[in-house]
Amino acid sequence: MSKADNHEIGGYHLNHKQLDALKRVYAHPVAHNLTWHEVRTLLDAVGEVEEKHNGSWRITIAGQPEVFDPNHGKDLTVEQVMDLRRMLTAAGLEPSA
């Protein structure tokens, strides 16, 4: 990956796919087709994701743990996007305007 493909946000280095996922988390209106795969790629870049035996994810970003229960569909619900947005904001991860 070249430097041109790497973006720094909140002290984290994101590639263009991770940056796109971050922007979609903050999209207005809320994105209805943000996939768990896209979010997992972003979360792996900015924190730690531990998949629990019951299918939930324990996500730690900037030392702050949170548990997410991915639904059985491939896309996040609006509530899950909002929870993720809150968590990323607290960690200083907001895309620039």
Protein backbone atom coordinates (compact mmCIF):
# COMPACT_ATOMS: atom_id res chain seq x y z
CA MET A 1 0.00 0.00 0.00
CA SER A 2 1.44 3.38 -0.97
CA LYS A 3 1.36 6.46 1.23
CA ALA A 4 -1.30 7.90 -1.09
CA ASP A 5 -3.59 4.98 -0.17
CA ASN A 6 -3.12 5.54 3.56
CA HIS A 7 -5.19 8.10 5.48
CA GLU A 8 -4.55 9.16 9.07
CA ILE A 9 -7.59 9.88 11.22
CA GLY A 10 -7.45 10.20 14.97
CA GLY A 11 -3.95 8.73 14.98
CA TYR A 12 -5.05 5.61 13.09
CA HIS A 13 -3.88 4.73 9.58
CA LEU A 14 -6.77 3.64 7.36
CA ASN A 15 -6.76 2.37 3.80
CA HIS A 16 -9.36 3.64 1.35
CA LYS A 17 -11.85 0.83 2.11
CA GLN A 18 -11.61 1.43 5.85
CA LEU A 19 -11.98 5.18 5.31
CA ASP A 20 -15.02 4.59 3.11
CA ALA A 21 -16.60 2.42 5.83
CA LEU A 22 -15.89 5.14 8.42
CA LYS A 23 -17.53 7.78 6.21
CA ARG A 24 -20.55 5.53 5.72
CA VAL A 25 -20.92 5.12 9.51
CA TYR A 26 -21.25 8.91 9.72
CA ALA A 27 -23.42 9.30 6.60
CA HIS A 28 -26.63 11.33 6.78
CA PRO A 29 -29.13 9.85 6.43
CA VAL A 30 -27.91 6.73 8.20
CA ALA A 31 -26.58 4.10 5.80
CA HIS A 32 -28.91 1.12 5.46
CA ASN A 33 -26.48 -1.07 3.52
CA LEU A 34 -23.36 -0.98 5.68
CA THR A 35 -22.18 -4.58 5.95
CA TRP A 36 -20.65 -6.33 8.93
CA HIS A 37 -17.70 -7.29 6.73
CA GLU A 38 -16.95 -3.59 6.01
CA VAL A 39 -17.30 -2.70 9.68
CA ARG A 40 -15.10 -5.60 10.80
CA THR A 41 -12.33 -4.45 8.45
CA LEU A 42 -12.55 -0.94 9.94
CA LEU A 43 -12.67 -2.19 13.53
CA ASP A 44 -9.66 -4.47 13.02
CA ALA A 45 -7.70 -1.39 11.89
CA VAL A 46 -8.60 0.80 14.88
CA GLY A 47 -9.00 -1.64 17.75
CA GLU A 48 -9.35 -5.22 18.84
CA VAL A 49 -12.28 -7.47 17.99
CA GLU A 50 -12.85 -10.68 19.90
CA GLU A 51 -15.62 -12.94 18.67
CA LYS A 52 -17.33 -14.64 21.61
CA HIS A 53 -18.75 -18.18 21.60
CA ASN A 54 -22.31 -16.82 21.44
CA GLY A 55 -21.56 -14.84 18.26
CA SER A 56 -21.25 -11.43 19.91
CA TRP A 57 -18.20 -9.25 19.35
CA ARG A 58 -16.22 -7.64 22.16
CA ILE A 59 -14.75 -4.53 20.55
CA THR A 60 -12.08 -2.45 22.28
CA ILE A 61 -11.11 0.93 20.84
CA ALA A 62 -8.89 3.36 22.74
CA GLY A 63 -9.16 1.14 25.82
CA GLN A 64 -12.97 1.30 25.86
CA PRO A 65 -14.69 -2.08 25.48
CA GLU A 66 -18.16 -2.52 24.02
CA VAL A 67 -20.15 -5.62 23.09
CA PHE A 68 -22.01 -5.81 19.78
CA ASP A 69 -24.42 -8.55 18.78
CA PRO A 70 -24.28 -8.75 14.99
CA ASN A 71 -27.70 -9.58 13.62
CA HIS A 72 -28.07 -12.55 11.31
CA GLY A 73 -28.37 -10.35 8.22
CA LYS A 74 -25.34 -9.00 6.42
CA ASP A 75 -26.14 -5.32 7.10
CA LEU A 76 -26.12 -3.33 10.34
CA THR A 77 -29.39 -1.98 11.68
CA VAL A 78 -29.82 1.78 12.13
CA GLU A 79 -29.42 1.33 15.90
CA GLN A 80 -26.17 -0.57 15.42
CA VAL A 81 -24.81 2.14 13.11
CA MET A 82 -25.68 4.77 15.73
CA ASP A 83 -24.01 2.74 18.51
CA LEU A 84 -20.92 2.31 16.35
CA ARG A 85 -20.88 6.03 15.54
CA ARG A 86 -21.00 6.88 19.26
CA MET A 87 -18.15 4.48 20.01
CA LEU A 88 -15.95 5.78 17.17
CA THR A 89 -16.65 9.41 18.12
CA ALA A 90 -15.56 8.72 21.71
CA ALA A 91 -12.30 7.31 20.31
CA GLY A 92 -11.69 10.43 18.20
CA LEU A 93 -12.47 8.72 14.91
CA GLU A 94 -14.59 11.05 12.83
CA PRO A 95 -13.99 11.65 9.14
CA SER A 96 -13.03 15.20 8.26
CA ALA A 97 -15.67 17.29 6.60
